[in-house]
Amino acid sequence: MPYKELSDLPNSVRDHLPIHAQEIYQAAYNNAWDEYGHDEERAHRVAWSAVKKKYEKDESSGQWQAK
């Protein structure tokens, strides 16, 4: 189901992504949820893909940062 607030996002998103990346995730997830007929798994894949266009995970620290 769509996420109304950033606080509704899964812990794996909230605990690891900066706020801006969370906003990207939320918007992409919600759009994909509607576009792909409420396919939750697909919506999560689309959301992570959107985040990865602007952010990358630093392998040494494990933190996500803007590209």
N, C-alpha and C. Protein backbone atom coordinates (compact mmCIF):
# COMPACT_ATOMS: atom_id res chain seq x y z
N MET A 1 0.83 -1.18 0.00
CA MET A 1 0.00 0.00 0.00
C MET A 1 0.88 1.24 0.00
N PRO A 2 0.38 2.34 -0.52
CA PRO A 2 1.20 3.56 -0.62
C PRO A 2 1.62 4.09 0.76
N TYR A 3 2.73 4.79 0.74
CA TYR A 3 3.26 5.38 1.98
C TYR A 3 2.85 6.85 2.04
N LYS A 4 2.10 7.22 3.07
CA LYS A 4 1.63 8.60 3.22
C LYS A 4 2.70 9.50 3.83
N GLU A 5 3.48 8.95 4.74
CA GLU A 5 4.51 9.71 5.45
C GLU A 5 5.84 8.97 5.37
N LEU A 6 6.93 9.70 5.49
CA LEU A 6 8.24 9.05 5.51
C LEU A 6 8.35 8.08 6.69
N SER A 7 7.68 8.39 7.76
CA SER A 7 7.72 7.51 8.94
C SER A 7 7.03 6.17 8.68
N ASP A 8 6.26 6.08 7.60
CA ASP A 8 5.60 4.83 7.24
C ASP A 8 6.49 3.90 6.43
N LEU A 9 7.61 4.42 5.95
CA LEU A 9 8.51 3.60 5.12
C LEU A 9 9.08 2.45 5.93
N PRO A 10 9.49 1.38 5.24
CA PRO A 10 10.12 0.26 5.96
C PRO A 10 11.38 0.71 6.69
N ASN A 11 11.69 0.03 7.78
CA ASN A 11 12.89 0.35 8.55
C ASN A 11 14.14 0.31 7.70
N SER A 12 14.20 -0.63 6.76
CA SER A 12 15.39 -0.76 5.91
C SER A 12 15.62 0.49 5.07
N VAL A 13 14.59 1.24 4.81
CA VAL A 13 14.70 2.50 4.06
C VAL A 13 14.99 3.65 5.03
N ARG A 14 14.18 3.78 6.06
CA ARG A 14 14.33 4.88 7.02
C ARG A 14 15.66 4.86 7.74
N ASP A 15 16.15 3.69 8.08
CA ASP A 15 17.36 3.58 8.88
C ASP A 15 18.64 3.79 8.09
N HIS A 16 18.56 3.73 6.76
CA HIS A 16 19.79 3.76 5.97
C HIS A 16 19.88 4.89 4.95
N LEU A 17 18.74 5.44 4.55
CA LEU A 17 18.77 6.47 3.51
C LEU A 17 18.62 7.87 4.09
N PRO A 18 19.33 8.85 3.50
CA PRO A 18 19.11 10.24 3.90
C PRO A 18 17.67 10.66 3.57
N ILE A 19 17.20 11.72 4.17
CA ILE A 19 15.82 12.18 3.99
C ILE A 19 15.46 12.36 2.51
N HIS A 20 16.31 13.02 1.74
CA HIS A 20 15.99 13.24 0.33
C HIS A 20 15.83 11.92 -0.42
N ALA A 21 16.67 10.95 -0.12
CA ALA A 21 16.55 9.64 -0.75
C ALA A 21 15.26 8.94 -0.31
N GLN A 22 14.86 9.14 0.92
CA GLN A 22 13.59 8.59 1.39
C GLN A 22 12.42 9.20 0.63
N GLU A 23 12.51 10.49 0.36
CA GLU A 23 11.46 11.17 -0.40
C GLU A 23 11.38 10.61 -1.83
N ILE A 24 12.54 10.36 -2.43
CA ILE A 24 12.58 9.76 -3.77
C ILE A 24 11.94 8.37 -3.71
N TYR A 25 12.32 7.59 -2.72
CA TYR A 25 11.79 6.23 -2.56
C TYR A 25 10.27 6.28 -2.44
N GLN A 26 9.77 7.13 -1.57
CA GLN A 26 8.34 7.23 -1.33
C GLN A 26 7.58 7.59 -2.60
N ALA A 27 8.04 8.60 -3.32
CA ALA A 27 7.36 9.04 -4.53
C ALA A 27 7.38 7.95 -5.60
N ALA A 28 8.53 7.32 -5.79
CA ALA A 28 8.65 6.27 -6.80
C ALA A 28 7.79 5.06 -6.44
N TYR A 29 7.82 4.68 -5.17
CA TYR A 29 7.01 3.54 -4.73
C TYR A 29 5.52 3.82 -4.97
N ASN A 30 5.06 4.98 -4.53
CA ASN A 30 3.64 5.30 -4.66
C ASN A 30 3.20 5.34 -6.12
N ASN A 31 4.04 5.90 -6.98
CA ASN A 31 3.70 5.93 -8.41
C ASN A 31 3.67 4.53 -8.99
N ALA A 32 4.65 3.71 -8.65
CA ALA A 32 4.71 2.34 -9.17
C ALA A 32 3.55 1.52 -8.62
N TRP A 33 3.17 1.75 -7.39
CA TRP A 33 2.04 1.04 -6.79
C TRP A 33 0.79 1.22 -7.64
N ASP A 34 0.55 2.46 -8.03
CA ASP A 34 -0.63 2.75 -8.87
C ASP A 34 -0.44 2.22 -10.30
N GLU A 35 0.73 2.45 -10.85
CA GLU A 35 0.98 2.10 -12.25
C GLU A 35 0.96 0.60 -12.51
N TYR A 36 1.44 -0.18 -11.57
CA TYR A 36 1.57 -1.62 -11.78
C TYR A 36 0.53 -2.43 -11.01
N GLY A 37 -0.62 -1.84 -10.78
CA GLY A 37 -1.74 -2.59 -10.22
C GLY A 37 -1.51 -3.13 -8.82
N HIS A 38 -0.90 -2.31 -7.97
CA HIS A 38 -0.70 -2.64 -6.56
C HIS A 38 0.21 -3.84 -6.35
N ASP A 39 1.20 -3.97 -7.23
CA ASP A 39 2.21 -5.02 -7.11
C ASP A 39 3.30 -4.51 -6.17
N GLU A 40 3.23 -4.93 -4.91
CA GLU A 40 4.13 -4.40 -3.88
C GLU A 40 5.60 -4.70 -4.18
N GLU A 41 5.91 -5.91 -4.57
CA GLU A 41 7.30 -6.28 -4.84
C GLU A 41 7.88 -5.43 -5.98
N ARG A 42 7.10 -5.27 -7.02
CA ARG A 42 7.56 -4.46 -8.15
C ARG A 42 7.73 -3.00 -7.75
N ALA A 43 6.82 -2.49 -6.94
CA ALA A 43 6.90 -1.10 -6.49
C ALA A 43 8.18 -0.87 -5.68
N HIS A 44 8.55 -1.84 -4.84
CA HIS A 44 9.80 -1.71 -4.08
C HIS A 44 11.01 -1.71 -5.01
N ARG A 45 10.99 -2.57 -6.02
CA ARG A 45 12.11 -2.61 -6.98
C ARG A 45 12.24 -1.28 -7.72
N VAL A 46 11.12 -0.73 -8.14
CA VAL A 46 11.12 0.55 -8.84
C VAL A 46 11.65 1.65 -7.92
N ALA A 47 11.21 1.64 -6.68
CA ALA A 47 11.64 2.66 -5.72
C ALA A 47 13.14 2.60 -5.48
N TRP A 48 13.69 1.40 -5.28
CA TRP A 48 15.14 1.28 -5.07
C TRP A 48 15.89 1.72 -6.32
N SER A 49 15.37 1.40 -7.48
CA SER A 49 16.01 1.80 -8.73
C SER A 49 16.07 3.33 -8.82
N ALA A 50 14.98 3.99 -8.43
CA ALA A 50 14.95 5.46 -8.46
C ALA A 50 15.97 6.05 -7.51
N VAL A 51 16.10 5.48 -6.33
CA VAL A 51 17.08 5.96 -5.35
C VAL A 51 18.49 5.80 -5.90
N LYS A 52 18.76 4.65 -6.52
CA LYS A 52 20.11 4.36 -7.02
C LYS A 52 20.53 5.24 -8.19
N LYS A 53 19.59 5.95 -8.79
CA LYS A 53 19.94 6.90 -9.86
C LYS A 53 20.61 8.15 -9.28
N LYS A 54 20.28 8.48 -8.04
CA LYS A 54 20.80 9.71 -7.42
C LYS A 54 21.74 9.45 -6.25
N TYR A 55 21.69 8.25 -5.69
CA TYR A 55 22.48 7.92 -4.51
C TYR A 55 23.24 6.62 -4.73
N GLU A 56 24.34 6.50 -3.99
CA GLU A 56 25.12 5.27 -4.04
C GLU A 56 25.54 4.93 -2.62
N LYS A 57 25.74 3.64 -2.39
CA LYS A 57 26.13 3.18 -1.07
C LYS A 57 27.65 3.13 -0.99
N ASP A 58 28.19 3.79 0.00
CA ASP A 58 29.63 3.75 0.24
C ASP A 58 29.93 2.41 0.91
N GLU A 59 30.68 1.58 0.22
CA GLU A 59 30.94 0.23 0.71
C GLU A 59 31.76 0.21 2.00
N SER A 60 32.61 1.20 2.19
CA SER A 60 33.44 1.19 3.40
C SER A 60 32.64 1.59 4.64
N SER A 61 31.74 2.56 4.49
CA SER A 61 30.97 3.01 5.66
C SER A 61 29.56 2.42 5.70
N GLY A 62 29.07 1.97 4.55
CA GLY A 62 27.72 1.44 4.48
C GLY A 62 26.65 2.51 4.40
N GLN A 63 27.06 3.77 4.32
CA GLN A 63 26.13 4.89 4.25
C GLN A 63 25.79 5.24 2.80
N TRP A 64 24.55 5.65 2.58
CA TRP A 64 24.15 6.10 1.26
C TRP A 64 24.46 7.58 1.13
N GLN A 65 24.99 7.97 -0.05
CA GLN A 65 25.35 9.38 -0.27
C GLN A 65 24.99 9.76 -1.70
N ALA A 66 24.78 11.05 -1.90
CA ALA A 66 24.45 11.55 -3.24
C ALA A 66 25.62 11.29 -4.17
N LYS A 67 25.29 10.97 -5.41
CA LYS A 67 26.35 10.73 -6.41
C LYS A 67 26.99 12.03 -6.83
